[in-house]
Amino acid sequence: MISAIHRRIVSTKAEWRADPARRVIPPLPDPIPWPAPIPIPVSHGRIRVSANARVYRFRQIAQLRPWCPVRILCNERRALEDGLWHAIEDLYLLLQTGPAPAELPPLRLIDLRHPRL
């Protein structure tokens, strides 16, 4: 079972370039309000968690460990019929197997943002 929080900001090319706040998602406040766990495999946007708790985005980017929270940041751009769109995704993952510890370890950040977008 896994708890997942997915946030996303989608902007037009003009919004992305004009407003620096459209390129940043501030972290969630501590303690993170983890939602009820759901079964894996699961997908959020372009990020997928396999049944063996491996995280993929085009390739494997992480192996989840029980009760070790992970935050994944990534951005992308897409050309659609109505123009060029930019997005930033923020995904928090917590693999919940076995007994819960008294305290969670620090959040591990995986930053996949491309600096030139």
N, C-alpha and C. Protein backbone atom coordinates (compact mmCIF):
# COMPACT_ATOMS: atom_id res chain seq x y z
N MET A 1 0.85 -1.17 0.00
CA MET A 1 0.00 0.00 0.00
C MET A 1 0.90 1.24 0.00
N ILE A 2 0.38 2.28 -0.62
CA ILE A 2 1.16 3.50 -0.75
C ILE A 2 0.25 4.72 -0.55
N SER A 3 0.79 5.71 0.14
CA SER A 3 0.11 7.01 0.24
C SER A 3 0.77 7.93 -0.76
N ALA A 4 -0.04 8.66 -1.52
CA ALA A 4 0.50 9.54 -2.55
C ALA A 4 -0.25 10.87 -2.54
N ILE A 5 0.53 11.95 -2.64
CA ILE A 5 -0.03 13.29 -2.79
C ILE A 5 0.54 13.84 -4.09
N HIS A 6 -0.34 14.23 -5.00
CA HIS A 6 0.09 14.72 -6.31
C HIS A 6 -0.41 16.15 -6.49
N ARG A 7 0.52 17.06 -6.79
CA ARG A 7 0.17 18.46 -7.08
C ARG A 7 0.77 18.82 -8.42
N ARG A 8 0.09 19.73 -9.13
CA ARG A 8 0.55 20.10 -10.47
C ARG A 8 0.15 21.54 -10.78
N ILE A 9 1.05 22.28 -11.41
CA ILE A 9 0.76 23.62 -11.91
C ILE A 9 0.96 23.56 -13.42
N VAL A 10 -0.06 23.94 -14.17
CA VAL A 10 0.01 23.97 -15.62
C VAL A 10 -0.09 25.42 -16.08
N SER A 11 0.78 25.83 -16.98
CA SER A 11 0.84 27.22 -17.44
C SER A 11 1.02 27.28 -18.95
N THR A 12 0.57 28.37 -19.52
CA THR A 12 0.91 28.63 -20.92
C THR A 12 2.37 29.07 -20.98
N LYS A 13 2.93 29.09 -22.17
CA LYS A 13 4.31 29.51 -22.33
C LYS A 13 4.50 30.94 -21.81
N ALA A 14 3.55 31.83 -22.12
CA ALA A 14 3.65 33.22 -21.68
C ALA A 14 3.59 33.33 -20.16
N GLU A 15 2.69 32.59 -19.51
CA GLU A 15 2.60 32.61 -18.04
C GLU A 15 3.89 32.09 -17.41
N TRP A 16 4.42 31.01 -17.99
CA TRP A 16 5.63 30.38 -17.47
C TRP A 16 6.82 31.35 -17.49
N ARG A 17 6.93 32.10 -18.58
CA ARG A 17 8.06 33.03 -18.71
C ARG A 17 7.86 34.31 -17.91
N ALA A 18 6.61 34.78 -17.79
CA ALA A 18 6.35 36.06 -17.13
C ALA A 18 6.32 35.96 -15.60
N ASP A 19 5.90 34.83 -15.07
CA ASP A 19 5.69 34.70 -13.62
C ASP A 19 6.58 33.60 -13.04
N PRO A 20 7.67 33.94 -12.36
CA PRO A 20 8.54 32.91 -11.77
C PRO A 20 7.83 32.01 -10.76
N ALA A 21 6.76 32.48 -10.16
CA ALA A 21 6.02 31.66 -9.19
C ALA A 21 5.36 30.46 -9.87
N ARG A 22 5.15 30.51 -11.18
CA ARG A 22 4.55 29.39 -11.91
C ARG A 22 5.54 28.23 -12.09
N ARG A 23 6.82 28.46 -11.76
CA ARG A 23 7.85 27.43 -11.93
C ARG A 23 8.25 26.76 -10.62
N VAL A 24 7.56 27.09 -9.54
CA VAL A 24 7.95 26.59 -8.22
C VAL A 24 6.72 26.10 -7.47
N ILE A 25 6.84 24.97 -6.82
CA ILE A 25 5.80 24.49 -5.90
C ILE A 25 6.47 24.39 -4.54
N PRO A 26 6.02 25.19 -3.56
CA PRO A 26 6.64 25.09 -2.23
C PRO A 26 6.34 23.74 -1.59
N PRO A 27 7.23 23.25 -0.75
CA PRO A 27 6.99 21.96 -0.10
C PRO A 27 5.79 22.01 0.83
N LEU A 28 5.22 20.85 1.07
CA LEU A 28 4.11 20.76 2.02
C LEU A 28 4.65 21.00 3.43
N PRO A 29 3.81 21.57 4.31
CA PRO A 29 4.27 21.80 5.68
C PRO A 29 4.46 20.47 6.43
N ASP A 30 5.38 20.49 7.34
CA ASP A 30 5.66 19.31 8.16
C ASP A 30 4.81 19.35 9.41
N PRO A 31 4.17 18.32 9.86
CA PRO A 31 4.12 16.98 9.32
C PRO A 31 3.20 16.91 8.10
N ILE A 32 3.57 16.09 7.16
CA ILE A 32 2.80 15.93 5.92
C ILE A 32 1.50 15.19 6.23
N PRO A 33 0.38 15.70 5.75
CA PRO A 33 -0.92 15.04 6.00
C PRO A 33 -1.12 13.87 5.02
N TRP A 34 -0.51 12.72 5.30
CA TRP A 34 -0.58 11.58 4.39
C TRP A 34 -2.01 11.07 4.26
N PRO A 35 -2.49 10.87 3.04
CA PRO A 35 -3.83 10.33 2.85
C PRO A 35 -3.86 8.83 3.10
N ALA A 36 -5.05 8.27 3.08
CA ALA A 36 -5.20 6.83 3.26
C ALA A 36 -4.45 6.09 2.15
N PRO A 37 -3.79 4.99 2.48
CA PRO A 37 -3.01 4.28 1.47
C PRO A 37 -3.90 3.60 0.43
N ILE A 38 -3.35 3.47 -0.78
CA ILE A 38 -4.03 2.79 -1.87
C ILE A 38 -3.11 1.68 -2.37
N PRO A 39 -3.67 0.67 -3.06
CA PRO A 39 -2.82 -0.41 -3.56
C PRO A 39 -1.91 0.06 -4.71
N ILE A 40 -0.76 -0.59 -4.83
CA ILE A 40 0.12 -0.31 -5.96
C ILE A 40 0.00 -1.48 -6.93
N PRO A 41 0.21 -1.31 -8.21
CA PRO A 41 0.82 -0.20 -8.93
C PRO A 41 -0.13 1.00 -9.03
N VAL A 42 0.48 2.19 -9.21
CA VAL A 42 -0.28 3.43 -9.32
C VAL A 42 0.47 4.38 -10.26
N SER A 43 -0.28 5.27 -10.92
CA SER A 43 0.32 6.28 -11.81
C SER A 43 -0.23 7.65 -11.47
N HIS A 44 0.65 8.64 -11.50
CA HIS A 44 0.28 10.04 -11.32
C HIS A 44 1.02 10.83 -12.39
N GLY A 45 0.28 11.39 -13.34
CA GLY A 45 0.93 12.10 -14.43
C GLY A 45 1.84 11.15 -15.18
N ARG A 46 3.08 11.52 -15.36
CA ARG A 46 4.04 10.67 -16.07
C ARG A 46 4.86 9.81 -15.12
N ILE A 47 4.55 9.84 -13.85
CA ILE A 47 5.29 9.04 -12.86
C ILE A 47 4.46 7.81 -12.51
N ARG A 48 5.12 6.66 -12.51
CA ARG A 48 4.45 5.39 -12.26
C ARG A 48 5.19 4.63 -11.16
N VAL A 49 4.44 4.02 -10.26
CA VAL A 49 5.01 3.17 -9.21
C VAL A 49 4.57 1.74 -9.52
N SER A 50 5.54 0.85 -9.71
CA SER A 50 5.25 -0.54 -10.06
C SER A 50 4.87 -1.34 -8.81
N ALA A 51 4.42 -2.55 -9.03
CA ALA A 51 4.00 -3.42 -7.93
C ALA A 51 5.14 -3.74 -6.97
N ASN A 52 6.39 -3.69 -7.44
CA ASN A 52 7.54 -3.96 -6.56
C ASN A 52 8.15 -2.66 -6.01
N ALA A 53 7.36 -1.57 -5.99
CA ALA A 53 7.71 -0.28 -5.38
C ALA A 53 8.87 0.44 -6.08
N ARG A 54 9.02 0.21 -7.37
CA ARG A 54 10.00 0.97 -8.15
C ARG A 54 9.27 2.14 -8.80
N VAL A 55 9.92 3.30 -8.81
CA VAL A 55 9.33 4.51 -9.37
C VAL A 55 9.96 4.77 -10.72
N TYR A 56 9.10 5.03 -11.73
CA TYR A 56 9.56 5.23 -13.10
C TYR A 56 9.05 6.56 -13.65
N ARG A 57 9.88 7.20 -14.43
CA ARG A 57 9.50 8.30 -15.31
C ARG A 57 10.41 8.17 -16.52
N PHE A 58 9.96 7.47 -17.53
CA PHE A 58 10.73 7.08 -18.71
C PHE A 58 11.74 5.98 -18.35
N ARG A 59 12.34 6.04 -17.18
CA ARG A 59 13.29 5.04 -16.69
C ARG A 59 13.11 4.96 -15.17
N GLN A 60 13.73 4.00 -14.53
CA GLN A 60 13.61 3.89 -13.08
C GLN A 60 14.36 5.04 -12.42
N ILE A 61 13.68 5.73 -11.49
CA ILE A 61 14.32 6.86 -10.80
C ILE A 61 14.47 6.62 -9.31
N ALA A 62 13.76 5.62 -8.77
CA ALA A 62 13.86 5.36 -7.33
C ALA A 62 13.32 3.98 -7.00
N GLN A 63 13.75 3.47 -5.86
CA GLN A 63 13.20 2.26 -5.26
C GLN A 63 12.67 2.67 -3.89
N LEU A 64 11.37 2.59 -3.70
CA LEU A 64 10.80 3.00 -2.42
C LEU A 64 11.13 2.01 -1.32
N ARG A 65 11.37 2.53 -0.13
CA ARG A 65 11.60 1.71 1.05
C ARG A 65 10.47 1.95 2.04
N PRO A 66 10.07 0.95 2.80
CA PRO A 66 8.95 1.13 3.72
C PRO A 66 9.19 2.28 4.70
N TRP A 67 8.19 3.12 4.81
CA TRP A 67 8.14 4.22 5.77
C TRP A 67 9.24 5.26 5.58
N CYS A 68 9.78 5.36 4.37
CA CYS A 68 10.76 6.41 4.03
C CYS A 68 10.13 7.32 2.97
N PRO A 69 9.66 8.50 3.37
CA PRO A 69 8.95 9.38 2.43
C PRO A 69 9.87 9.95 1.35
N VAL A 70 9.29 10.11 0.15
CA VAL A 70 10.03 10.63 -1.00
C VAL A 70 9.19 11.74 -1.65
N ARG A 71 9.88 12.81 -2.07
CA ARG A 71 9.25 13.88 -2.85
C ARG A 71 9.93 13.92 -4.21
N ILE A 72 9.14 13.88 -5.28
CA ILE A 72 9.66 13.92 -6.63
C ILE A 72 9.14 15.18 -7.32
N LEU A 73 10.07 15.99 -7.82
CA LEU A 73 9.74 17.20 -8.57
C LEU A 73 10.17 17.00 -10.02
N CYS A 74 9.30 17.34 -10.96
CA CYS A 74 9.68 17.29 -12.36
C CYS A 74 8.88 18.32 -13.14
N ASN A 75 9.43 18.73 -14.26
CA ASN A 75 8.71 19.67 -15.12
C ASN A 75 8.70 19.11 -16.53
N GLU A 76 7.81 19.64 -17.33
CA GLU A 76 7.69 19.19 -18.71
C GLU A 76 7.06 20.28 -19.55
N ARG A 77 7.18 20.14 -20.84
CA ARG A 77 6.45 21.03 -21.74
C ARG A 77 5.85 20.17 -22.84
N ARG A 78 4.69 20.62 -23.29
CA ARG A 78 3.96 19.90 -24.32
C ARG A 78 3.39 20.86 -25.34
N ALA A 79 3.47 20.47 -26.59
CA ALA A 79 2.83 21.23 -27.65
C ALA A 79 1.47 20.59 -27.90
N LEU A 80 0.43 21.35 -27.65
CA LEU A 80 -0.93 20.89 -27.89
C LEU A 80 -1.55 21.76 -28.98
N GLU A 81 -2.75 21.43 -29.36
CA GLU A 81 -3.43 22.17 -30.43
C GLU A 81 -3.53 23.66 -30.13
N ASP A 82 -3.70 24.00 -28.87
CA ASP A 82 -3.89 25.41 -28.51
C ASP A 82 -2.61 26.08 -28.02
N GLY A 83 -1.45 25.53 -28.33
CA GLY A 83 -0.20 26.18 -27.99
C GLY A 83 0.73 25.34 -27.14
N LEU A 84 1.78 25.96 -26.66
CA LEU A 84 2.80 25.30 -25.85
C LEU A 84 2.44 25.47 -24.38
N TRP A 85 2.44 24.36 -23.66
CA TRP A 85 2.10 24.36 -22.23
C TRP A 85 3.28 23.85 -21.43
N HIS A 86 3.48 24.44 -20.25
CA HIS A 86 4.51 24.01 -19.32
C HIS A 86 3.82 23.52 -18.04
N ALA A 87 4.42 22.53 -17.41
CA ALA A 87 3.85 22.00 -16.17
C ALA A 87 4.97 21.67 -15.20
N ILE A 88 4.67 21.80 -13.92
CA ILE A 88 5.57 21.33 -12.87
C ILE A 88 4.74 20.39 -12.00
N GLU A 89 5.30 19.21 -11.74
CA GLU A 89 4.60 18.21 -10.94
C GLU A 89 5.37 17.98 -9.65
N ASP A 90 4.60 17.75 -8.60
CA ASP A 90 5.14 17.52 -7.27
C ASP A 90 4.43 16.29 -6.72
N LEU A 91 5.17 15.24 -6.42
CA LEU A 91 4.58 13.99 -5.96
C LEU A 91 5.27 13.54 -4.68
N TYR A 92 4.46 13.30 -3.66
CA TYR A 92 4.94 12.76 -2.39
C TYR A 92 4.50 11.31 -2.31
N LEU A 93 5.43 10.41 -1.96
CA LEU A 93 5.14 8.98 -1.88
C LEU A 93 5.61 8.42 -0.54
N LEU A 94 4.78 7.55 0.03
CA LEU A 94 5.14 6.87 1.27
C LEU A 94 4.67 5.42 1.18
N LEU A 95 5.62 4.48 1.09
CA LEU A 95 5.31 3.06 1.03
C LEU A 95 5.00 2.58 2.44
N GLN A 96 3.82 2.02 2.63
CA GLN A 96 3.38 1.61 3.96
C GLN A 96 3.26 0.10 4.02
N THR A 97 4.35 -0.54 4.44
CA THR A 97 4.35 -1.99 4.66
C THR A 97 5.01 -2.26 6.00
N GLY A 98 4.51 -3.24 6.70
CA GLY A 98 5.05 -3.58 8.01
C GLY A 98 4.60 -2.58 9.07
N PRO A 99 5.10 -2.74 10.28
CA PRO A 99 4.69 -1.84 11.37
C PRO A 99 5.23 -0.42 11.16
N ALA A 100 4.41 0.55 11.49
CA ALA A 100 4.80 1.96 11.34
C ALA A 100 5.80 2.35 12.43
N PRO A 101 6.84 3.09 12.07
CA PRO A 101 7.80 3.55 13.08
C PRO A 101 7.20 4.69 13.91
N ALA A 102 7.80 4.94 15.04
CA ALA A 102 7.33 6.04 15.89
C ALA A 102 7.50 7.38 15.19
N GLU A 103 8.55 7.52 14.38
CA GLU A 103 8.82 8.76 13.67
C GLU A 103 9.37 8.43 12.28
N LEU A 104 8.90 9.19 11.28
CA LEU A 104 9.39 8.98 9.91
C LEU A 104 10.76 9.64 9.73
N PRO A 105 11.62 9.05 8.90
CA PRO A 105 12.90 9.70 8.61
C PRO A 105 12.67 10.96 7.77
N PRO A 106 13.70 11.78 7.58
CA PRO A 106 13.56 12.98 6.77
C PRO A 106 13.13 12.64 5.33
N LEU A 107 12.41 13.56 4.73
CA LEU A 107 11.92 13.43 3.37
C LEU A 107 13.09 13.44 2.39
N ARG A 108 13.12 12.51 1.47
CA ARG A 108 14.16 12.46 0.44
C ARG A 108 13.63 13.15 -0.81
N LEU A 109 14.39 14.09 -1.36
CA LEU A 109 13.98 14.84 -2.54
C LEU A 109 14.68 14.29 -3.78
N ILE A 110 13.87 14.03 -4.82
CA ILE A 110 14.40 13.66 -6.13
C ILE A 110 13.95 14.77 -7.08
N ASP A 111 14.89 15.60 -7.49
CA ASP A 111 14.58 16.77 -8.31
C ASP A 111 14.94 16.47 -9.77
N LEU A 112 13.91 16.30 -10.60
CA LEU A 112 14.10 15.99 -12.01
C LEU A 112 13.78 17.16 -12.91
N ARG A 113 13.73 18.36 -12.35
CA ARG A 113 13.39 19.53 -13.16
C ARG A 113 14.53 19.84 -14.13
N HIS A 114 14.15 20.15 -15.34
CA HIS A 114 15.12 20.53 -16.37
C HIS A 114 15.32 22.03 -16.29
N PRO A 115 16.54 22.52 -16.12
CA PRO A 115 16.75 23.95 -15.90
C PRO A 115 16.42 24.83 -17.10
N ARG A 116 16.41 24.28 -18.30
CA ARG A 116 16.18 25.11 -19.48
C ARG A 116 14.71 25.25 -19.86
N LEU A 117 13.80 24.59 -19.16
CA LEU A 117 12.37 24.71 -19.53
C LEU A 117 11.80 26.03 -19.12
